[in-house]
């Protein structure tokens, strides 16, 4: 996982999940007894921006790592439910979807 795009993807997945938590907290305050909307006004645009950044980075990393269309669509869909970007990032890491092709050992083929 040497390249910057993959590192940014991991950071975006984590940041998107954190912004979800902040937005959910802001919504709880908005609809709770105090009725203060400041959390939604602050964290709504932040979450929206991170949502877009995550989506762009999914497309970039999918192209760099040659993900299948299904994997790419799942990664994009994970931006919608809260905290699903974390789940996708962990599974992608375990399955080697974020590994640099240069990090994998080359297979030796017999010559002659």
PDB file of N, CA and C in Angstrom:
ATOM      1  N   UNK A   1       0.846  -1.180   0.000  1.00  0.00           N
ATOM      2  CA  UNK A   1       0.000   0.000   0.000  1.00  0.00           C
ATOM      3  C   UNK A   1       0.888   1.238   0.000  1.00  0.00           C
ATOM      4  N   UNK A   2       1.712   1.357  -1.004  1.00  0.00           N
ATOM      5  CA  UNK A   2       2.667   2.456  -1.069  1.00  0.00           C
ATOM      6  C   UNK A   2       2.093   3.737  -1.661  1.00  0.00           C
ATOM      7  N   UNK A   3       1.196   3.610  -2.618  1.00  0.00           N
ATOM      8  CA  UNK A   3       0.805   4.811  -3.359  1.00  0.00           C
ATOM      9  C   UNK A   3      -0.109   5.719  -2.538  1.00  0.00           C
ATOM     10  N   UNK A   4      -0.072   6.984  -2.892  1.00  0.00           N
ATOM     11  CA  UNK A   4      -0.817   8.005  -2.154  1.00  0.00           C
ATOM     12  C   UNK A   4      -2.318   7.830  -2.296  1.00  0.00           C
ATOM     13  N   UNK A   5      -2.783   7.433  -3.463  1.00  0.00           N
ATOM     14  CA  UNK A   5      -4.227   7.299  -3.680  1.00  0.00           C
ATOM     15  C   UNK A   5      -4.832   6.282  -2.715  1.00  0.00           C
ATOM     16  N   UNK A   6      -4.142   5.166  -2.506  1.00  0.00           N
ATOM     17  CA  UNK A   6      -4.658   4.146  -1.607  1.00  0.00           C
ATOM     18  C   UNK A   6      -4.639   4.639  -0.161  1.00  0.00           C
ATOM     19  N   UNK A   7      -3.569   5.327   0.214  1.00  0.00           N
ATOM     20  CA  UNK A   7      -3.518   5.892   1.569  1.00  0.00           C
ATOM     21  C   UNK A   7      -4.621   6.925   1.772  1.00  0.00           C
ATOM     22  N   UNK A   8      -4.849   7.780   0.769  1.00  0.00           N
ATOM     23  CA  UNK A   8      -5.930   8.754   0.864  1.00  0.00           C
ATOM     24  C   UNK A   8      -7.289   8.058   0.934  1.00  0.00           C
ATOM     25  N   UNK A   9      -7.440   6.956   0.201  1.00  0.00           N
ATOM     26  CA  UNK A   9      -8.686   6.199   0.254  1.00  0.00           C
ATOM     27  C   UNK A   9      -8.957   5.698   1.671  1.00  0.00           C
ATOM     28  N   UNK A  10      -7.933   5.139   2.310  1.00  0.00           N
ATOM     29  CA  UNK A  10      -8.095   4.634   3.681  1.00  0.00           C
ATOM     30  C   UNK A  10      -8.461   5.777   4.620  1.00  0.00           C
ATOM     31  N   UNK A  11      -7.757   6.909   4.503  1.00  0.00           N
ATOM     32  CA  UNK A  11      -8.077   8.073   5.332  1.00  0.00           C
ATOM     33  C   UNK A  11      -9.487   8.582   5.057  1.00  0.00           C
ATOM     34  N   UNK A  12      -9.895   8.591   3.806  1.00  0.00           N
ATOM     35  CA  UNK A  12     -11.237   9.065   3.457  1.00  0.00           C
ATOM     36  C   UNK A  12     -12.305   8.139   4.025  1.00  0.00           C
ATOM     37  N   UNK A  13     -12.051   6.831   4.001  1.00  0.00           N
ATOM     38  CA  UNK A  13     -13.014   5.877   4.560  1.00  0.00           C
ATOM     39  C   UNK A  13     -13.189   6.114   6.060  1.00  0.00           C
ATOM     40  N   UNK A  14     -12.086   6.349   6.748  1.00  0.00           N
ATOM     41  CA  UNK A  14     -12.146   6.605   8.192  1.00  0.00           C
ATOM     42  C   UNK A  14     -12.803   7.954   8.471  1.00  0.00           C
ATOM     43  N   UNK A  15     -12.409   8.976   7.723  1.00  0.00           N
ATOM     44  CA  UNK A  15     -12.962  10.318   7.929  1.00  0.00           C
ATOM     45  C   UNK A  15     -14.453  10.354   7.610  1.00  0.00           C
ATOM     46  N   UNK A  16     -14.864   9.640   6.582  1.00  0.00           N
ATOM     47  CA  UNK A  16     -16.286   9.602   6.216  1.00  0.00           C
ATOM     48  C   UNK A  16     -17.102   8.967   7.337  1.00  0.00           C
ATOM     49  N   UNK A  17     -16.574   7.904   7.931  1.00  0.00           N
ATOM     50  CA  UNK A  17     -17.269   7.255   9.046  1.00  0.00           C
ATOM     51  C   UNK A  17     -17.329   8.178  10.272  1.00  0.00           C
ATOM     52  N   UNK A  18     -16.247   8.879  10.541  1.00  0.00           N
ATOM     53  CA  UNK A  18     -16.234   9.825  11.669  1.00  0.00           C
ATOM     54  C   UNK A  18     -17.215  10.969  11.431  1.00  0.00           C
ATOM     55  N   UNK A  19     -17.293  11.428  10.193  1.00  0.00           N
ATOM     56  CA  UNK A  19     -18.240  12.512   9.899  1.00  0.00           C
ATOM     57  C   UNK A  19     -19.676  12.026  10.027  1.00  0.00           C
ATOM     58  N   UNK A  20     -19.907  10.748   9.724  1.00  0.00           N
ATOM     59  CA  UNK A  20     -21.233  10.161   9.955  1.00  0.00           C
ATOM     60  C   UNK A  20     -21.570  10.233  11.433  1.00  0.00           C
ATOM     61  N   UNK A  21     -20.616   9.845  12.287  1.00  0.00           N
ATOM     62  CA  UNK A  21     -20.849   9.870  13.731  1.00  0.00           C
ATOM     63  C   UNK A  21     -21.166  11.290  14.202  1.00  0.00           C
ATOM     64  N   UNK A  22     -20.400  12.258  13.709  1.00  0.00           N
ATOM     65  CA  UNK A  22     -20.639  13.648  14.098  1.00  0.00           C
ATOM     66  C   UNK A  22     -21.997  14.140  13.600  1.00  0.00           C
ATOM     67  N   UNK A  23     -22.348  13.763  12.388  1.00  0.00           N
ATOM     68  CA  UNK A  23     -23.645  14.177  11.848  1.00  0.00           C
ATOM     69  C   UNK A  23     -24.794  13.526  12.621  1.00  0.00           C
ATOM     70  N   UNK A  24     -24.638  12.255  12.962  1.00  0.00           N
ATOM     71  CA  UNK A  24     -25.677  11.585  13.752  1.00  0.00           C
ATOM     72  C   UNK A  24     -25.814  12.230  15.130  1.00  0.00           C
ATOM     73  N   UNK A  25     -24.696  12.616  15.740  1.00  0.00           N
ATOM     74  CA  UNK A  25     -24.756  13.319  17.021  1.00  0.00           C
ATOM     75  C   UNK A  25     -25.448  14.672  16.857  1.00  0.00           C
ATOM     76  N   UNK A  26     -25.121  15.365  15.772  1.00  0.00           N
ATOM     77  CA  UNK A  26     -25.782  16.644  15.502  1.00  0.00           C
ATOM     78  C   UNK A  26     -27.281  16.486  15.290  1.00  0.00           C
ATOM     79  N   UNK A  27     -27.675  15.404  14.626  1.00  0.00           N
ATOM     80  CA  UNK A  27     -29.103  15.142  14.421  1.00  0.00           C
ATOM     81  C   UNK A  27     -29.792  14.798  15.735  1.00  0.00           C
ATOM     82  N   UNK A  28     -29.096  14.066  16.619  1.00  0.00           N
ATOM     83  CA  UNK A  28     -29.671  13.741  17.920  1.00  0.00           C
ATOM     84  C   UNK A  28     -29.912  15.009  18.734  1.00  0.00           C
ATOM     85  N   UNK A  29     -28.987  15.951  18.662  1.00  0.00           N
ATOM     86  CA  UNK A  29     -29.161  17.218  19.384  1.00  0.00           C
ATOM     87  C   UNK A  29     -30.282  18.040  18.745  1.00  0.00           C
ATOM     88  N   UNK A  30     -30.330  18.027  17.422  1.00  0.00           N
ATOM     89  CA  UNK A  30     -31.360  18.812  16.723  1.00  0.00           C
ATOM     90  C   UNK A  30     -32.757  18.332  17.081  1.00  0.00           C
ATOM     91  N   UNK A  31     -32.953  17.025  17.067  1.00  0.00           N
ATOM     92  CA  UNK A  31     -34.289  16.486  17.310  1.00  0.00           C
ATOM     93  C   UNK A  31     -34.520  16.122  18.772  1.00  0.00           C
ATOM     94  N   UNK A  32     -33.528  16.340  19.617  1.00  0.00           N
ATOM     95  CA  UNK A  32     -33.682  16.087  21.049  1.00  0.00           C
ATOM     96  C   UNK A  32     -34.298  17.292  21.735  1.00  0.00           C
ATOM     97  N   UNK A  33     -34.339  17.238  23.060  1.00  0.00           N
ATOM     98  CA  UNK A  33     -34.967  18.331  23.822  1.00  0.00           C
ATOM     99  C   UNK A  33     -34.370  19.717  23.583  1.00  0.00           C
ATOM    100  N   UNK A  34     -33.031  19.866  23.445  1.00  0.00           N
ATOM    101  CA  UNK A  34     -32.558  21.237  23.229  1.00  0.00           C
ATOM    102  C   UNK A  34     -33.004  21.838  21.897  1.00  0.00           C
ATOM    103  N   UNK A  35     -33.075  21.008  20.845  1.00  0.00           N
ATOM    104  CA  UNK A  35     -33.506  21.505  19.547  1.00  0.00           C
ATOM    105  C   UNK A  35     -32.512  22.439  18.880  1.00  0.00           C
ATOM    106  N   UNK A  36     -31.229  22.246  19.112  1.00  0.00           N
ATOM    107  CA  UNK A  36     -30.182  23.082  18.525  1.00  0.00           C
ATOM    108  C   UNK A  36     -29.723  22.480  17.201  1.00  0.00           C
ATOM    109  N   UNK A  37     -29.751  23.278  16.144  1.00  0.00           N
ATOM    110  CA  UNK A  37     -29.409  22.780  14.813  1.00  0.00           C
ATOM    111  C   UNK A  37     -27.955  23.019  14.418  1.00  0.00           C
ATOM    112  N   UNK A  38     -27.140  23.535  15.296  1.00  0.00           N
ATOM    113  CA  UNK A  38     -25.767  23.901  14.927  1.00  0.00           C
ATOM    114  C   UNK A  38     -24.955  22.685  14.470  1.00  0.00           C
ATOM    115  N   UNK A  39     -25.144  21.538  15.118  1.00  0.00           N
ATOM    116  CA  UNK A  39     -24.393  20.338  14.742  1.00  0.00           C
ATOM    117  C   UNK A  39     -24.669  19.908  13.311  1.00  0.00           C
ATOM    118  N   UNK A  40     -25.914  19.992  12.904  1.00  0.00           N
ATOM    119  CA  UNK A  40     -26.282  19.612  11.542  1.00  0.00           C
ATOM    120  C   UNK A  40     -25.737  20.629  10.546  1.00  0.00           C
ATOM    121  N   UNK A  41     -25.777  21.902  10.910  1.00  0.00           N
ATOM    122  CA  UNK A  41     -25.259  22.938  10.012  1.00  0.00           C
ATOM    123  C   UNK A  41     -23.745  22.857   9.854  1.00  0.00           C
ATOM    124  N   UNK A  42     -23.055  22.407  10.883  1.00  0.00           N
ATOM    125  CA  UNK A  42     -21.598  22.297  10.807  1.00  0.00           C
ATOM    126  C   UNK A  42     -21.194  20.983  10.148  1.00  0.00           C
ATOM    127  N   UNK A  43     -21.725  19.866  10.648  1.00  0.00           N
ATOM    128  CA  UNK A  43     -21.258  18.559  10.194  1.00  0.00           C
ATOM    129  C   UNK A  43     -21.920  18.068   8.911  1.00  0.00           C
ATOM    130  N   UNK A  44     -23.050  18.637   8.536  1.00  0.00           N
ATOM    131  CA  UNK A  44     -23.703  18.254   7.284  1.00  0.00           C
ATOM    132  C   UNK A  44     -22.824  18.511   6.063  1.00  0.00           C
ATOM    133  N   UNK A  45     -22.330  19.733   5.882  1.00  0.00           N
ATOM    134  CA  UNK A  45     -21.453  20.004   4.740  1.00  0.00           C
ATOM    135  C   UNK A  45     -20.118  19.249   4.803  1.00  0.00           C
ATOM    136  N   UNK A  46     -19.592  19.070   6.012  1.00  0.00           N
ATOM    137  CA  UNK A  46     -18.344  18.311   6.145  1.00  0.00           C
ATOM    138  C   UNK A  46     -18.564  16.875   5.693  1.00  0.00           C
ATOM    139  N   UNK A  47     -19.645  16.288   6.157  1.00  0.00           N
ATOM    140  CA  UNK A  47     -19.950  14.911   5.755  1.00  0.00           C
ATOM    141  C   UNK A  47     -20.195  14.829   4.246  1.00  0.00           C
ATOM    142  N   UNK A  48     -20.900  15.804   3.705  1.00  0.00           N
ATOM    143  CA  UNK A  48     -21.157  15.814   2.268  1.00  0.00           C
ATOM    144  C   UNK A  48     -19.875  15.875   1.450  1.00  0.00           C
ATOM    145  N   UNK A  49     -18.949  16.706   1.875  1.00  0.00           N
ATOM    146  CA  UNK A  49     -17.667  16.816   1.166  1.00  0.00           C
ATOM    147  C   UNK A  49     -16.875  15.517   1.267  1.00  0.00           C
ATOM    148  N   UNK A  50     -16.838  14.918   2.453  1.00  0.00           N
ATOM    149  CA  UNK A  50     -16.106  13.656   2.624  1.00  0.00           C
ATOM    150  C   UNK A  50     -16.772  12.516   1.859  1.00  0.00           C
ATOM    151  N   UNK A  51     -18.082  12.557   1.734  1.00  0.00           N
ATOM    152  CA  UNK A  51     -18.821  11.578   0.942  1.00  0.00           C
ATOM    153  C   UNK A  51     -18.361  11.626  -0.519  1.00  0.00           C
ATOM    154  N   UNK A  52     -18.252  12.832  -1.047  1.00  0.00           N
ATOM    155  CA  UNK A  52     -17.814  13.015  -2.434  1.00  0.00           C
ATOM    156  C   UNK A  52     -16.351  12.604  -2.597  1.00  0.00           C
ATOM    157  N   UNK A  53     -15.497  13.006  -1.660  1.00  0.00           N
ATOM    158  CA  UNK A  53     -14.081  12.638  -1.717  1.00  0.00           C
ATOM    159  C   UNK A  53     -13.925  11.119  -1.690  1.00  0.00           C
ATOM    160  N   UNK A  54     -14.657  10.454  -0.800  1.00  0.00           N
ATOM    161  CA  UNK A  54     -14.603   8.997  -0.726  1.00  0.00           C
ATOM    162  C   UNK A  54     -15.014   8.373  -2.062  1.00  0.00           C
ATOM    163  N   UNK A  55     -16.099   8.868  -2.642  1.00  0.00           N
ATOM    164  CA  UNK A  55     -16.562   8.331  -3.924  1.00  0.00           C
ATOM    165  C   UNK A  55     -15.533   8.491  -5.031  1.00  0.00           C
ATOM    166  N   UNK A  56     -14.903   9.641  -5.093  1.00  0.00           N
ATOM    167  CA  UNK A  56     -13.862   9.873  -6.112  1.00  0.00           C
ATOM    168  C   UNK A  56     -12.679   8.943  -5.879  1.00  0.00           C
ATOM    169  N   UNK A  57     -12.266   8.811  -4.621  1.00  0.00           N
ATOM    170  CA  UNK A  57     -11.131   7.938  -4.326  1.00  0.00           C
ATOM    171  C   UNK A  57     -11.449   6.469  -4.571  1.00  0.00           C
ATOM    172  N   UNK A  58     -12.693   6.061  -4.379  1.00  0.00           N
ATOM    173  CA  UNK A  58     -13.081   4.688  -4.736  1.00  0.00           C
ATOM    174  C   UNK A  58     -12.829   4.464  -6.223  1.00  0.00           C
ATOM    175  N   UNK A  59     -13.249   5.413  -7.044  1.00  0.00           N
ATOM    176  CA  UNK A  59     -13.065   5.260  -8.491  1.00  0.00           C
ATOM    177  C   UNK A  59     -11.595   5.258  -8.880  1.00  0.00           C
ATOM    178  N   UNK A  60     -10.796   6.100  -8.233  1.00  0.00           N
ATOM    179  CA  UNK A  60      -9.367   6.150  -8.542  1.00  0.00           C
ATOM    180  C   UNK A  60      -8.676   4.849  -8.136  1.00  0.00           C
ATOM    181  N   UNK A  61      -8.922   4.401  -6.909  1.00  0.00           N
ATOM    182  CA  UNK A  61      -8.276   3.178  -6.418  1.00  0.00           C
ATOM    183  C   UNK A  61      -8.788   1.959  -7.175  1.00  0.00           C
ATOM    184  N   UNK A  62     -10.059   1.944  -7.518  1.00  0.00           N
ATOM    185  CA  UNK A  62     -10.610   0.826  -8.287  1.00  0.00           C
ATOM    186  C   UNK A  62      -9.897   0.694  -9.632  1.00  0.00           C
ATOM    187  N   UNK A  63      -9.612   1.812 -10.236  1.00  0.00           N
ATOM    188  CA  UNK A  63      -8.890   1.780 -11.520  1.00  0.00           C
ATOM    189  C   UNK A  63      -7.429   1.360 -11.321  1.00  0.00           C
ATOM    190  N   UNK A  64      -6.782   1.906 -10.301  1.00  0.00           N
ATOM    191  CA  UNK A  64      -5.379   1.566 -10.044  1.00  0.00           C
ATOM    192  C   UNK A  64      -5.207   0.089  -9.664  1.00  0.00           C
ATOM    193  N   UNK A  65      -6.126  -0.423  -8.861  1.00  0.00           N
ATOM    194  CA  UNK A  65      -6.022  -1.793  -8.359  1.00  0.00           C
ATOM    195  C   UNK A  65      -6.793  -2.808  -9.207  1.00  0.00           C
ATOM    196  N   UNK A  66      -7.427  -2.298 -10.251  1.00  0.00           N
ATOM    197  CA  UNK A  66      -8.196  -3.140 -11.177  1.00  0.00           C
ATOM    198  C   UNK A  66      -9.278  -3.958 -10.461  1.00  0.00           C
ATOM    199  N   UNK A  67     -10.073  -3.253  -9.635  1.00  0.00           N
ATOM    200  CA  UNK A  67     -11.184  -3.907  -8.966  1.00  0.00           C
ATOM    201  C   UNK A  67     -12.248  -4.262  -9.995  1.00  0.00           C
ATOM    202  N   UNK A  68     -13.025  -5.268  -9.684  1.00  0.00           N
ATOM    203  CA  UNK A  68     -14.150  -5.626 -10.551  1.00  0.00           C
ATOM    204  C   UNK A  68     -15.234  -4.552 -10.420  1.00  0.00           C
ATOM    205  N   UNK A  69     -16.167  -4.575 -11.351  1.00  0.00           N
ATOM    206  CA  UNK A  69     -17.276  -3.616 -11.316  1.00  0.00           C
ATOM    207  C   UNK A  69     -18.100  -3.831 -10.048  1.00  0.00           C
ATOM    208  N   UNK A  70     -18.313  -5.078  -9.684  1.00  0.00           N
ATOM    209  CA  UNK A  70     -19.108  -5.384  -8.483  1.00  0.00           C
ATOM    210  C   UNK A  70     -18.421  -4.837  -7.232  1.00  0.00           C
ATOM    211  N   UNK A  71     -17.120  -5.061  -7.109  1.00  0.00           N
ATOM    212  CA  UNK A  71     -16.379  -4.554  -5.951  1.00  0.00           C
ATOM    213  C   UNK A  71     -16.445  -3.034  -5.898  1.00  0.00           C
ATOM    214  N   UNK A  72     -16.303  -2.389  -7.044  1.00  0.00           N
ATOM    215  CA  UNK A  72     -16.373  -0.928  -7.098  1.00  0.00           C
ATOM    216  C   UNK A  72     -17.752  -0.431  -6.686  1.00  0.00           C
ATOM    217  N   UNK A  73     -18.799  -1.077  -7.169  1.00  0.00           N
ATOM    218  CA  UNK A  73     -20.160  -0.670  -6.804  1.00  0.00           C
ATOM    219  C   UNK A  73     -20.436  -0.891  -5.319  1.00  0.00           C
ATOM    220  N   UNK A  74     -19.921  -1.982  -4.776  1.00  0.00           N
ATOM    221  CA  UNK A  74     -20.085  -2.233  -3.339  1.00  0.00           C
ATOM    222  C   UNK A  74     -19.365  -1.151  -2.539  1.00  0.00           C
ATOM    223  N   UNK A  75     -18.148  -0.803  -2.961  1.00  0.00           N
ATOM    224  CA  UNK A  75     -17.393   0.248  -2.270  1.00  0.00           C
ATOM    225  C   UNK A  75     -18.148   1.575  -2.323  1.00  0.00           C
ATOM    226  N   UNK A  76     -18.722   1.896  -3.452  1.00  0.00           N
ATOM    227  CA  UNK A  76     -19.498   3.138  -3.571  1.00  0.00           C
ATOM    228  C   UNK A  76     -20.759   3.083  -2.710  1.00  0.00           C
ATOM    229  N   UNK A  77     -21.431   1.949  -2.701  1.00  0.00           N
ATOM    230  CA  UNK A  77     -22.651   1.803  -1.905  1.00  0.00           C
ATOM    231  C   UNK A  77     -22.369   1.882  -0.411  1.00  0.00           C
ATOM    232  N   UNK A  78     -21.164   1.527  -0.009  1.00  0.00           N
ATOM    233  CA  UNK A  78     -20.801   1.568   1.411  1.00  0.00           C
ATOM    234  C   UNK A  78     -20.720   2.987   1.954  1.00  0.00           C
ATOM    235  N   UNK A  79     -20.747   3.978   1.106  1.00  0.00           N
ATOM    236  CA  UNK A  79     -20.738   5.361   1.577  1.00  0.00           C
ATOM    237  C   UNK A  79     -22.097   5.770   2.129  1.00  0.00           C
ATOM    238  N   UNK A  80     -23.136   5.016   1.817  1.00  0.00           N
ATOM    239  CA  UNK A  80     -24.486   5.419   2.221  1.00  0.00           C
ATOM    240  C   UNK A  80     -24.819   5.022   3.663  1.00  0.00           C
ATOM    241  N   UNK A  81     -24.693   3.747   4.049  1.00  0.00           N
ATOM    242  CA  UNK A  81     -25.011   3.426   5.451  1.00  0.00           C
ATOM    243  C   UNK A  81     -23.900   3.908   6.389  1.00  0.00           C
ATOM    244  N   UNK A  82     -24.279   4.328   7.580  1.00  0.00           N
ATOM    245  CA  UNK A  82     -23.253   4.794   8.525  1.00  0.00           C
ATOM    246  C   UNK A  82     -22.209   3.715   8.824  1.00  0.00           C
ATOM    247  N   UNK A  83     -20.960   4.112   8.791  1.00  0.00           N
ATOM    248  CA  UNK A  83     -19.807   3.300   9.178  1.00  0.00           C
ATOM    249  C   UNK A  83     -19.479   2.140   8.235  1.00  0.00           C
ATOM    250  N   UNK A  84     -20.196   2.008   7.136  1.00  0.00           N
ATOM    251  CA  UNK A  84     -19.931   0.903   6.206  1.00  0.00           C
ATOM    252  C   UNK A  84     -18.606   1.087   5.461  1.00  0.00           C
ATOM    253  N   UNK A  85     -18.131   2.321   5.345  1.00  0.00           N
ATOM    254  CA  UNK A  85     -16.837   2.534   4.687  1.00  0.00           C
ATOM    255  C   UNK A  85     -15.718   1.874   5.482  1.00  0.00           C
ATOM    256  N   UNK A  86     -15.840   1.876   6.806  1.00  0.00           N
ATOM    257  CA  UNK A  86     -14.846   1.195   7.640  1.00  0.00           C
ATOM    258  C   UNK A  86     -14.861  -0.305   7.402  1.00  0.00           C
ATOM    259  N   UNK A  87     -16.057  -0.858   7.318  1.00  0.00           N
ATOM    260  CA  UNK A  87     -16.193  -2.299   7.084  1.00  0.00           C
ATOM    261  C   UNK A  87     -15.599  -2.666   5.729  1.00  0.00           C
ATOM    262  N   UNK A  88     -15.905  -1.879   4.705  1.00  0.00           N
ATOM    263  CA  UNK A  88     -15.364  -2.178   3.380  1.00  0.00           C
ATOM    264  C   UNK A  88     -13.850  -2.054   3.370  1.00  0.00           C
ATOM    265  N   UNK A  89     -13.316  -1.008   3.980  1.00  0.00           N
ATOM    266  CA  UNK A  89     -11.869  -0.806   3.985  1.00  0.00           C
ATOM    267  C   UNK A  89     -11.158  -1.955   4.675  1.00  0.00           C
ATOM    268  N   UNK A  90     -11.685  -2.429   5.798  1.00  0.00           N
ATOM    269  CA  UNK A  90     -11.064  -3.553   6.527  1.00  0.00           C
ATOM    270  C   UNK A  90     -11.104  -4.832   5.695  1.00  0.00           C
ATOM    271  N   UNK A  91     -12.243  -5.094   5.085  1.00  0.00           N
ATOM    272  CA  UNK A  91     -12.354  -6.307   4.256  1.00  0.00           C
ATOM    273  C   UNK A  91     -11.475  -6.211   3.012  1.00  0.00           C
ATOM    274  N   UNK A  92     -11.422  -5.046   2.418  1.00  0.00           N
ATOM    275  CA  UNK A  92     -10.575  -4.861   1.232  1.00  0.00           C
ATOM    276  C   UNK A  92      -9.107  -5.076   1.587  1.00  0.00           C
ATOM    277  N   UNK A  93      -8.712  -4.587   2.742  1.00  0.00           N
ATOM    278  CA  UNK A  93      -7.332  -4.775   3.181  1.00  0.00           C
ATOM    279  C   UNK A  93      -7.031  -6.258   3.403  1.00  0.00           C
ATOM    280  N   UNK A  94      -7.961  -6.966   4.079  1.00  0.00           N
ATOM    281  CA  UNK A  94      -7.758  -8.394   4.348  1.00  0.00           C
ATOM    282  C   UNK A  94      -7.713  -9.225   3.072  1.00  0.00           C
ATOM    283  N   UNK A  95      -8.512  -8.837   2.093  1.00  0.00           N
ATOM    284  CA  UNK A  95      -8.566  -9.586   0.829  1.00  0.00           C
ATOM    285  C   UNK A  95      -7.459  -9.185  -0.138  1.00  0.00           C
ATOM    286  N   UNK A  96      -6.637  -8.218   0.223  1.00  0.00           N
ATOM    287  CA  UNK A  96      -5.539  -7.806  -0.627  1.00  0.00           C
ATOM    288  C   UNK A  96      -5.934  -6.837  -1.723  1.00  0.00           C
ATOM    289  N   UNK A  97      -7.122  -6.262  -1.636  1.00  0.00           N
ATOM    290  CA  UNK A  97      -7.577  -5.330  -2.672  1.00  0.00           C
ATOM    291  C   UNK A  97      -6.859  -3.984  -2.611  1.00  0.00           C
ATOM    292  N   UNK A  98      -6.189  -3.712  -1.507  1.00  0.00           N
ATOM    293  CA  UNK A  98      -5.471  -2.446  -1.372  1.00  0.00           C
ATOM    294  C   UNK A  98      -3.969  -2.624  -1.515  1.00  0.00           C
ATOM    295  N   UNK A  99      -3.528  -3.855  -1.732  1.00  0.00           N
ATOM    296  CA  UNK A  99      -2.103  -4.127  -1.856  1.00  0.00           C
ATOM    297  C   UNK A  99      -1.563  -3.610  -3.175  1.00  0.00           C
ATOM    298  N   UNK A 100      -0.344  -3.162  -3.123  1.00  0.00           N
ATOM    299  CA  UNK A 100       0.362  -2.710  -4.314  1.00  0.00           C
ATOM    300  C   UNK A 100       0.793  -3.946  -5.101  1.00  0.00           C
ATOM    301  N   UNK A 101       0.506  -4.005  -6.390  1.00  0.00           N
ATOM    302  CA  UNK A 101       0.946  -5.164  -7.168  1.00  0.00           C
ATOM    303  C   UNK A 101       2.457  -5.387  -7.084  1.00  0.00           C
ATOM    304  N   UNK A 102       3.225  -4.335  -6.849  1.00  0.00           N
ATOM    305  CA  UNK A 102       4.676  -4.481  -6.739  1.00  0.00           C
ATOM    306  C   UNK A 102       5.075  -5.188  -5.444  1.00  0.00           C
ATOM    307  N   UNK A 103       4.170  -5.194  -4.443  1.00  0.00           N
ATOM    308  CA  UNK A 103       4.464  -5.840  -3.172  1.00  0.00           C
ATOM    309  C   UNK A 103       4.291  -7.355  -3.221  1.00  0.00           C
ATOM    310  N   UNK A 104       3.542  -7.852  -4.200  1.00  0.00           N
ATOM    311  CA  UNK A 104       3.308  -9.288  -4.278  1.00  0.00           C
ATOM    312  C   UNK A 104       4.489  -9.950  -4.953  1.00  0.00           C
ATOM    313  N   UNK A 105       4.924 -11.085  -4.443  1.00  0.00           N
ATOM    314  CA  UNK A 105       6.090 -11.742  -5.056  1.00  0.00           C
ATOM    315  C   UNK A 105       5.774 -12.225  -6.459  1.00  0.00           C
ATOM    316  N   UNK A 106       6.727 -12.074  -7.313  1.00  0.00           N
ATOM    317  CA  UNK A 106       6.558 -12.501  -8.702  1.00  0.00           C
ATOM    318  C   UNK A 106       6.598 -14.019  -8.765  1.00  0.00           C
ATOM    319  N   UNK A 107       5.768 -14.568  -9.614  1.00  0.00           N
ATOM    320  CA  UNK A 107       5.763 -16.013  -9.798  1.00  0.00           C
ATOM    321  C   UNK A 107       6.877 -16.389 -10.783  1.00  0.00           C
ATOM    322  N   UNK A 108       7.582 -17.391 -10.418  1.00  0.00           N
ATOM    323  CA  UNK A 108       8.661 -17.859 -11.293  1.00  0.00           C
ATOM    324  C   UNK A 108       8.083 -18.845 -12.298  1.00  0.00           C
ATOM    325  N   UNK A 109       8.399 -18.642 -13.523  1.00  0.00           N
ATOM    326  CA  UNK A 109       7.977 -19.571 -14.567  1.00  0.00           C
ATOM    327  C   UNK A 109       9.203 -20.242 -15.149  1.00  0.00           C
ATOM    328  N   UNK A 110       9.108 -21.535 -15.359  1.00  0.00           N
ATOM    329  CA  UNK A 110      10.270 -22.230 -15.923  1.00  0.00           C
ATOM    330  C   UNK A 110      10.565 -21.743 -17.327  1.00  0.00           C
ATOM    331  N   UNK A 111      11.813 -21.612 -17.622  1.00  0.00           N
ATOM    332  CA  UNK A 111      12.260 -21.175 -18.943  1.00  0.00           C
ATOM    333  C   UNK A 111      12.763 -22.392 -19.697  1.00  0.00           C
ATOM    334  N   UNK A 112      12.344 -22.496 -20.930  1.00  0.00           N
ATOM    335  CA  UNK A 112      12.894 -23.529 -21.802  1.00  0.00           C
ATOM    336  C   UNK A 112      12.163 -24.769 -21.693  1.00  0.00           C
TER     337      UNK A 112
END
